[in-house]
Amino acid sequence: MPGGKHVLGLPKNKHVFGTVKVGEKGQIVIPKEARTLFNIKPGDTLLILGDEIGGIIVSRPEVVNEAANKVFDRLDKTNK
């Protein structure tokens, strides 16, 4: 989808990397542009989250951990 992200009018720092096909073993290839941008290397661990309506999210575990900690901190402050 070269140039597709510009056609969609995405804001700065938002990206569309195109589409991928699921292989026979259920695997996908993360597009090179995405791997480069997010510094994803062979052997890295990624977290897969899913919502039956919203879809799938692929993230580094530490990103989700940081977000969860912020939520829990806010809950602790609210409950005091």
PDB file of N, CA and C in Angstrom:
ATOM      1  N   MET A   1       0.840  -1.188   0.000  1.00  0.00           N
ATOM      2  CA  MET A   1       0.000   0.000   0.000  1.00  0.00           C
ATOM      3  C   MET A   1       0.882   1.248   0.000  1.00  0.00           C
ATOM      4  N   PRO A   2       1.813   1.353  -0.937  1.00  0.00           N
ATOM      5  CA  PRO A   2       2.670   2.519  -0.975  1.00  0.00           C
ATOM      6  C   PRO A   2       1.858   3.799  -1.085  1.00  0.00           C
ATOM      7  N   GLY A   3       2.146   4.739  -0.226  1.00  0.00           N
ATOM      8  CA  GLY A   3       1.461   6.017  -0.248  1.00  0.00           C
ATOM      9  C   GLY A   3       0.066   5.980   0.332  1.00  0.00           C
ATOM     10  N   GLY A   4      -0.401   4.804   0.719  1.00  0.00           N
ATOM     11  CA  GLY A   4      -1.762   4.653   1.210  1.00  0.00           C
ATOM     12  C   GLY A   4      -2.043   5.464   2.457  1.00  0.00           C
ATOM     13  N   LYS A   5      -1.039   5.580   3.330  1.00  0.00           N
ATOM     14  CA  LYS A   5      -1.284   6.310   4.569  1.00  0.00           C
ATOM     15  C   LYS A   5      -1.575   7.781   4.294  1.00  0.00           C
ATOM     16  N   HIS A   6      -1.044   8.309   3.208  1.00  0.00           N
ATOM     17  CA  HIS A   6      -1.304   9.707   2.876  1.00  0.00           C
ATOM     18  C   HIS A   6      -2.724   9.885   2.342  1.00  0.00           C
ATOM     19  N   VAL A   7      -3.189   8.891   1.607  1.00  0.00           N
ATOM     20  CA  VAL A   7      -4.536   8.929   1.062  1.00  0.00           C
ATOM     21  C   VAL A   7      -5.560   8.892   2.197  1.00  0.00           C
ATOM     22  N   LEU A   8      -5.247   8.147   3.259  1.00  0.00           N
ATOM     23  CA  LEU A   8      -6.170   8.026   4.382  1.00  0.00           C
ATOM     24  C   LEU A   8      -6.189   9.270   5.264  1.00  0.00           C
ATOM     25  N   GLY A   9      -5.251  10.174   5.075  1.00  0.00           N
ATOM     26  CA  GLY A   9      -5.228  11.407   5.852  1.00  0.00           C
ATOM     27  C   GLY A   9      -4.895  11.178   7.315  1.00  0.00           C
ATOM     28  N   LEU A  10      -3.988  10.262   7.594  1.00  0.00           N
ATOM     29  CA  LEU A  10      -3.625   9.973   8.972  1.00  0.00           C
ATOM     30  C   LEU A  10      -2.803  11.107   9.572  1.00  0.00           C
ATOM     31  N   PRO A  11      -2.990  11.342  10.870  1.00  0.00           N
ATOM     32  CA  PRO A  11      -2.184  12.374  11.532  1.00  0.00           C
ATOM     33  C   PRO A  11      -0.722  11.934  11.637  1.00  0.00           C
ATOM     34  N   LYS A  12       0.128  12.902  11.915  1.00  0.00           N
ATOM     35  CA  LYS A  12       1.550  12.636  12.075  1.00  0.00           C
ATOM     36  C   LYS A  12       1.744  11.562  13.147  1.00  0.00           C
ATOM     37  N   ASN A  13       2.720  10.696  12.948  1.00  0.00           N
ATOM     38  CA  ASN A  13       3.063   9.599  13.858  1.00  0.00           C
ATOM     39  C   ASN A  13       2.070   8.446  13.838  1.00  0.00           C
ATOM     40  N   LYS A  14       1.115   8.446  12.933  1.00  0.00           N
ATOM     41  CA  LYS A  14       0.189   7.326  12.748  1.00  0.00           C
ATOM     42  C   LYS A  14       0.537   6.686  11.413  1.00  0.00           C
ATOM     43  N   HIS A  15       0.487   5.355  11.339  1.00  0.00           N
ATOM     44  CA  HIS A  15       0.972   4.677  10.147  1.00  0.00           C
ATOM     45  C   HIS A  15       0.027   3.558   9.715  1.00  0.00           C
ATOM     46  N   VAL A  16      -0.048   3.350   8.422  1.00  0.00           N
ATOM     47  CA  VAL A  16      -0.665   2.171   7.833  1.00  0.00           C
ATOM     48  C   VAL A  16       0.465   1.487   7.079  1.00  0.00           C
ATOM     49  N   PHE A  17       0.767   0.255   7.447  1.00  0.00           N
ATOM     50  CA  PHE A  17       1.886  -0.448   6.833  1.00  0.00           C
ATOM     51  C   PHE A  17       1.445  -1.389   5.722  1.00  0.00           C
ATOM     52  N   GLY A  18       0.170  -1.452   5.448  1.00  0.00           N
ATOM     53  CA  GLY A  18      -0.313  -2.320   4.391  1.00  0.00           C
ATOM     54  C   GLY A  18      -0.994  -3.540   4.967  1.00  0.00           C
ATOM     55  N   THR A  19      -1.120  -4.555   4.155  1.00  0.00           N
ATOM     56  CA  THR A  19      -1.774  -5.780   4.579  1.00  0.00           C
ATOM     57  C   THR A  19      -0.762  -6.915   4.585  1.00  0.00           C
ATOM     58  N   VAL A  20      -1.071  -7.957   5.339  1.00  0.00           N
ATOM     59  CA  VAL A  20      -0.249  -9.162   5.353  1.00  0.00           C
ATOM     60  C   VAL A  20      -1.161 -10.360   5.205  1.00  0.00           C
ATOM     61  N   LYS A  21      -0.620 -11.449   4.720  1.00  0.00           N
ATOM     62  CA  LYS A  21      -1.391 -12.693   4.596  1.00  0.00           C
ATOM     63  C   LYS A  21      -0.945 -13.648   5.685  1.00  0.00           C
ATOM     64  N   VAL A  22      -1.901 -14.381   6.220  1.00  0.00           N
ATOM     65  CA  VAL A  22      -1.601 -15.398   7.216  1.00  0.00           C
ATOM     66  C   VAL A  22      -1.174 -16.658   6.467  1.00  0.00           C
ATOM     67  N   GLY A  23       0.002 -17.177   6.829  1.00  0.00           N
ATOM     68  CA  GLY A  23       0.521 -18.375   6.188  1.00  0.00           C
ATOM     69  C   GLY A  23      -0.152 -19.636   6.709  1.00  0.00           C
ATOM     70  N   GLU A  24       0.226 -20.760   6.135  1.00  0.00           N
ATOM     71  CA  GLU A  24      -0.368 -22.046   6.503  1.00  0.00           C
ATOM     72  C   GLU A  24      -0.167 -22.384   7.977  1.00  0.00           C
ATOM     73  N   LYS A  25       0.902 -21.891   8.583  1.00  0.00           N
ATOM     74  CA  LYS A  25       1.187 -22.160   9.996  1.00  0.00           C
ATOM     75  C   LYS A  25       0.613 -21.072  10.904  1.00  0.00           C
ATOM     76  N   GLY A  26      -0.194 -20.177  10.355  1.00  0.00           N
ATOM     77  CA  GLY A  26      -0.798 -19.110  11.149  1.00  0.00           C
ATOM     78  C   GLY A  26       0.136 -17.941  11.392  1.00  0.00           C
ATOM     79  N   GLN A  27       1.213 -17.853  10.660  1.00  0.00           N
ATOM     80  CA  GLN A  27       2.204 -16.805  10.853  1.00  0.00           C
ATOM     81  C   GLN A  27       1.978 -15.640   9.897  1.00  0.00           C
ATOM     82  N   ILE A  28       2.399 -14.460  10.350  1.00  0.00           N
ATOM     83  CA  ILE A  28       2.392 -13.279   9.490  1.00  0.00           C
ATOM     84  C   ILE A  28       3.796 -12.685   9.480  1.00  0.00           C
ATOM     85  N   VAL A  29       4.083 -11.904   8.464  1.00  0.00           N
ATOM     86  CA  VAL A  29       5.347 -11.177   8.391  1.00  0.00           C
ATOM     87  C   VAL A  29       5.047  -9.721   8.685  1.00  0.00           C
ATOM     88  N   ILE A  30       5.740  -9.171   9.668  1.00  0.00           N
ATOM     89  CA  ILE A  30       5.594  -7.746   9.976  1.00  0.00           C
ATOM     90  C   ILE A  30       6.350  -6.979   8.897  1.00  0.00           C
ATOM     91  N   PRO A  31       5.696  -6.027   8.236  1.00  0.00           N
ATOM     92  CA  PRO A  31       6.366  -5.297   7.154  1.00  0.00           C
ATOM     93  C   PRO A  31       7.678  -4.651   7.606  1.00  0.00           C
ATOM     94  N   LYS A  32       8.658  -4.650   6.716  1.00  0.00           N
ATOM     95  CA  LYS A  32       9.993  -4.127   7.027  1.00  0.00           C
ATOM     96  C   LYS A  32       9.935  -2.708   7.577  1.00  0.00           C
ATOM     97  N   GLU A  33       9.115  -1.865   6.970  1.00  0.00           N
ATOM     98  CA  GLU A  33       9.014  -0.471   7.427  1.00  0.00           C
ATOM     99  C   GLU A  33       8.589  -0.419   8.896  1.00  0.00           C
ATOM    100  N   ALA A  34       7.666  -1.277   9.300  1.00  0.00           N
ATOM    101  CA  ALA A  34       7.213  -1.320  10.695  1.00  0.00           C
ATOM    102  C   ALA A  34       8.310  -1.864  11.599  1.00  0.00           C
ATOM    103  N   ARG A  35       8.994  -2.925  11.151  1.00  0.00           N
ATOM    104  CA  ARG A  35      10.086  -3.489  11.964  1.00  0.00           C
ATOM    105  C   ARG A  35      11.177  -2.473  12.183  1.00  0.00           C
ATOM    106  N   THR A  36      11.505  -1.723  11.140  1.00  0.00           N
ATOM    107  CA  THR A  36      12.546  -0.701  11.257  1.00  0.00           C
ATOM    108  C   THR A  36      12.105   0.417  12.198  1.00  0.00           C
ATOM    109  N   LEU A  37      10.900   0.940  11.984  1.00  0.00           N
ATOM    110  CA  LEU A  37      10.397   2.050  12.792  1.00  0.00           C
ATOM    111  C   LEU A  37      10.349   1.692  14.271  1.00  0.00           C
ATOM    112  N   PHE A  38       9.916   0.460  14.583  1.00  0.00           N
ATOM    113  CA  PHE A  38       9.747   0.053  15.980  1.00  0.00           C
ATOM    114  C   PHE A  38      10.910  -0.792  16.489  1.00  0.00           C
ATOM    115  N   ASN A  39      11.974  -0.865  15.707  1.00  0.00           N
ATOM    116  CA  ASN A  39      13.195  -1.570  16.092  1.00  0.00           C
ATOM    117  C   ASN A  39      12.897  -3.004  16.536  1.00  0.00           C
ATOM    118  N   ILE A  40      12.114  -3.711  15.738  1.00  0.00           N
ATOM    119  CA  ILE A  40      11.771  -5.100  16.033  1.00  0.00           C
ATOM    120  C   ILE A  40      12.796  -5.993  15.342  1.00  0.00           C
ATOM    121  N   LYS A  41      13.448  -6.818  16.149  1.00  0.00           N
ATOM    122  CA  LYS A  41      14.510  -7.700  15.661  1.00  0.00           C
ATOM    123  C   LYS A  41      14.097  -9.161  15.844  1.00  0.00           C
ATOM    124  N   PRO A  42      14.703 -10.076  15.080  1.00  0.00           N
ATOM    125  CA  PRO A  42      14.432 -11.499  15.286  1.00  0.00           C
ATOM    126  C   PRO A  42      14.692 -11.887  16.742  1.00  0.00           C
ATOM    127  N   GLY A  43      13.793 -12.658  17.319  1.00  0.00           N
ATOM    128  CA  GLY A  43      13.931 -13.087  18.709  1.00  0.00           C
ATOM    129  C   GLY A  43      13.243 -12.178  19.712  1.00  0.00           C
ATOM    130  N   ASP A  44      12.814 -10.978  19.286  1.00  0.00           N
ATOM    131  CA  ASP A  44      12.088 -10.083  20.194  1.00  0.00           C
ATOM    132  C   ASP A  44      10.757 -10.714  20.588  1.00  0.00           C
ATOM    133  N   THR A  45      10.302 -10.377  21.781  1.00  0.00           N
ATOM    134  CA  THR A  45       9.003 -10.849  22.256  1.00  0.00           C
ATOM    135  C   THR A  45       7.970  -9.763  22.038  1.00  0.00           C
ATOM    136  N   LEU A  46       6.849 -10.134  21.438  1.00  0.00           N
ATOM    137  CA  LEU A  46       5.744  -9.206  21.233  1.00  0.00           C
ATOM    138  C   LEU A  46       4.515  -9.760  21.929  1.00  0.00           C
ATOM    139  N   LEU A  47       3.673  -8.876  22.428  1.00  0.00           N
ATOM    140  CA  LEU A  47       2.446  -9.245  23.110  1.00  0.00           C
ATOM    141  C   LEU A  47       1.286  -9.121  22.129  1.00  0.00           C
ATOM    142  N   ILE A  48       0.424 -10.126  22.093  1.00  0.00           N
ATOM    143  CA  ILE A  48      -0.745 -10.110  21.221  1.00  0.00           C
ATOM    144  C   ILE A  48      -1.980 -10.008  22.103  1.00  0.00           C
ATOM    145  N   LEU A  49      -2.745  -8.946  21.939  1.00  0.00           N
ATOM    146  CA  LEU A  49      -3.987  -8.746  22.676  1.00  0.00           C
ATOM    147  C   LEU A  49      -5.137  -8.796  21.683  1.00  0.00           C
ATOM    148  N   GLY A  50      -6.298  -9.234  22.138  1.00  0.00           N
ATOM    149  CA  GLY A  50      -7.425  -9.316  21.226  1.00  0.00           C
ATOM    150  C   GLY A  50      -8.730  -8.901  21.851  1.00  0.00           C
ATOM    151  N   ASP A  51      -9.566  -8.314  21.041  1.00  0.00           N
ATOM    152  CA  ASP A  51     -10.921  -7.935  21.414  1.00  0.00           C
ATOM    153  C   ASP A  51     -11.807  -8.445  20.280  1.00  0.00           C
ATOM    154  N   GLU A  52     -12.837  -9.208  20.615  1.00  0.00           N
ATOM    155  CA  GLU A  52     -13.642  -9.833  19.569  1.00  0.00           C
ATOM    156  C   GLU A  52     -14.321  -8.823  18.652  1.00  0.00           C
ATOM    157  N   ILE A  53     -14.504  -7.606  19.101  1.00  0.00           N
ATOM    158  CA  ILE A  53     -15.107  -6.568  18.266  1.00  0.00           C
ATOM    159  C   ILE A  53     -14.033  -5.673  17.651  1.00  0.00           C
ATOM    160  N   GLY A  54     -13.065  -5.246  18.471  1.00  0.00           N
ATOM    161  CA  GLY A  54     -12.057  -4.287  18.029  1.00  0.00           C
ATOM    162  C   GLY A  54     -10.916  -4.873  17.220  1.00  0.00           C
ATOM    163  N   GLY A  55     -10.600  -6.144  17.451  1.00  0.00           N
ATOM    164  CA  GLY A  55      -9.534  -6.758  16.679  1.00  0.00           C
ATOM    165  C   GLY A  55      -8.315  -7.096  17.517  1.00  0.00           C
ATOM    166  N   ILE A  56      -7.166  -7.146  16.859  1.00  0.00           N
ATOM    167  CA  ILE A  56      -5.917  -7.590  17.465  1.00  0.00           C
ATOM    168  C   ILE A  56      -4.957  -6.413  17.587  1.00  0.00           C
ATOM    169  N   ILE A  57      -4.226  -6.398  18.690  1.00  0.00           N
ATOM    170  CA  ILE A  57      -3.169  -5.408  18.909  1.00  0.00           C
ATOM    171  C   ILE A  57      -1.867  -6.170  19.108  1.00  0.00           C
ATOM    172  N   VAL A  58      -0.821  -5.735  18.436  1.00  0.00           N
ATOM    173  CA  VAL A  58       0.515  -6.294  18.614  1.00  0.00           C
ATOM    174  C   VAL A  58       1.364  -5.192  19.232  1.00  0.00           C
ATOM    175  N   SER A  59       2.005  -5.496  20.353  1.00  0.00           N
ATOM    176  CA  SER A  59       2.784  -4.480  21.050  1.00  0.00           C
ATOM    177  C   SER A  59       3.945  -5.115  21.781  1.00  0.00           C
ATOM    178  N   ARG A  60       4.878  -4.304  22.168  1.00  0.00           N
ATOM    179  CA  ARG A  60       5.934  -4.769  23.061  1.00  0.00           C
ATOM    180  C   ARG A  60       5.321  -4.871  24.454  1.00  0.00           C
ATOM    181  N   PRO A  61       5.635  -5.920  25.206  1.00  0.00           N
ATOM    182  CA  PRO A  61       5.049  -6.079  26.544  1.00  0.00           C
ATOM    183  C   PRO A  61       5.293  -4.887  27.457  1.00  0.00           C
ATOM    184  N   GLU A  62       6.458  -4.258  27.357  1.00  0.00           N
ATOM    185  CA  GLU A  62       6.769  -3.135  28.249  1.00  0.00           C
ATOM    186  C   GLU A  62       5.864  -1.926  27.996  1.00  0.00           C
ATOM    187  N   VAL A  63       5.390  -1.756  26.777  1.00  0.00           N
ATOM    188  CA  VAL A  63       4.482  -0.641  26.468  1.00  0.00           C
ATOM    189  C   VAL A  63       3.162  -0.834  27.206  1.00  0.00           C
ATOM    190  N   VAL A  64       2.640  -2.044  27.143  1.00  0.00           N
ATOM    191  CA  VAL A  64       1.386  -2.349  27.820  1.00  0.00           C
ATOM    192  C   VAL A  64       1.584  -2.301  29.329  1.00  0.00           C
ATOM    193  N   ASN A  65       2.726  -2.763  29.802  1.00  0.00           N
ATOM    194  CA  ASN A  65       3.029  -2.733  31.227  1.00  0.00           C
ATOM    195  C   ASN A  65       3.019  -1.297  31.751  1.00  0.00           C
ATOM    196  N   GLU A  66       3.639  -0.381  31.011  1.00  0.00           N
ATOM    197  CA  GLU A  66       3.659   1.026  31.413  1.00  0.00           C
ATOM    198  C   GLU A  66       2.239   1.592  31.462  1.00  0.00           C
ATOM    199  N   ALA A  67       1.435   1.282  30.467  1.00  0.00           N
ATOM    200  CA  ALA A  67       0.052   1.778  30.437  1.00  0.00           C
ATOM    201  C   ALA A  67      -0.749   1.203  31.598  1.00  0.00           C
ATOM    202  N   ALA A  68      -0.577  -0.086  31.874  1.00  0.00           N
ATOM    203  CA  ALA A  68      -1.293  -0.721  32.981  1.00  0.00           C
ATOM    204  C   ALA A  68      -0.890  -0.085  34.311  1.00  0.00           C
ATOM    205  N   ASN A  69       0.390   0.179  34.495  1.00  0.00           N
ATOM    206  CA  ASN A  69       0.845   0.810  35.733  1.00  0.00           C
ATOM    207  C   ASN A  69       0.224   2.188  35.925  1.00  0.00           C
ATOM    208  N   LYS A  70       0.083   2.958  34.859  1.00  0.00           N
ATOM    209  CA  LYS A  70      -0.551   4.279  34.949  1.00  0.00           C
ATOM    210  C   LYS A  70      -2.011   4.149  35.363  1.00  0.00           C
ATOM    211  N   VAL A  71      -2.708   3.176  34.781  1.00  0.00           N
ATOM    212  CA  VAL A  71      -4.113   2.945  35.134  1.00  0.00           C
ATOM    213  C   VAL A  71      -4.216   2.561  36.602  1.00  0.00           C
ATOM    214  N   PHE A  72      -3.382   1.626  37.053  1.00  0.00           N
ATOM    215  CA  PHE A  72      -3.434   1.182  38.449  1.00  0.00           C
ATOM    216  C   PHE A  72      -3.086   2.316  39.401  1.00  0.00           C
ATOM    217  N   ASP A  73      -2.120   3.159  39.032  1.00  0.00           N
ATOM    218  CA  ASP A  73      -1.772   4.316  39.869  1.00  0.00           C
ATOM    219  C   ASP A  73      -2.965   5.256  40.017  1.00  0.00           C
ATOM    220  N   ARG A  74      -3.672   5.512  38.915  1.00  0.00           N
ATOM    221  CA  ARG A  74      -4.848   6.380  38.966  1.00  0.00           C
ATOM    222  C   ARG A  74      -5.946   5.762  39.836  1.00  0.00           C
ATOM    223  N   LEU A  75      -6.138   4.445  39.711  1.00  0.00           N
ATOM    224  CA  LEU A  75      -7.131   3.778  40.526  1.00  0.00           C
ATOM    225  C   LEU A  75      -6.768   3.871  42.009  1.00  0.00           C
ATOM    226  N   ASP A  76      -5.507   3.685  42.332  1.00  0.00           N
ATOM    227  CA  ASP A  76      -5.072   3.789  43.729  1.00  0.00           C
ATOM    228  C   ASP A  76      -5.345   5.185  44.273  1.00  0.00           C
ATOM    229  N   LYS A  77      -5.070   6.210  43.495  1.00  0.00           N
ATOM    230  CA  LYS A  77      -5.286   7.595  43.944  1.00  0.00           C
ATOM    231  C   LYS A  77      -6.788   7.875  44.113  1.00  0.00           C
ATOM    232  N   THR A  78      -7.602   7.301  43.218  1.00  0.00           N
ATOM    233  CA  THR A  78      -9.040   7.496  43.283  1.00  0.00           C
ATOM    234  C   THR A  78      -9.649   6.814  44.512  1.00  0.00           C
ATOM    235  N   ASN A  79      -9.117   5.666  44.865  1.00  0.00           N
ATOM    236  CA  ASN A  79      -9.650   4.883  45.969  1.00  0.00           C
ATOM    237  C   ASN A  79      -9.178   5.336  47.339  1.00  0.00           C
ATOM    238  N   LYS A  80      -8.310   6.325  47.395  1.00  0.00           N
ATOM    239  CA  LYS A  80      -7.809   6.819  48.699  1.00  0.00           C
ATOM    240  C   LYS A  80      -8.657   7.942  49.231  1.00  0.00           C
TER     241      LYS A  80
END
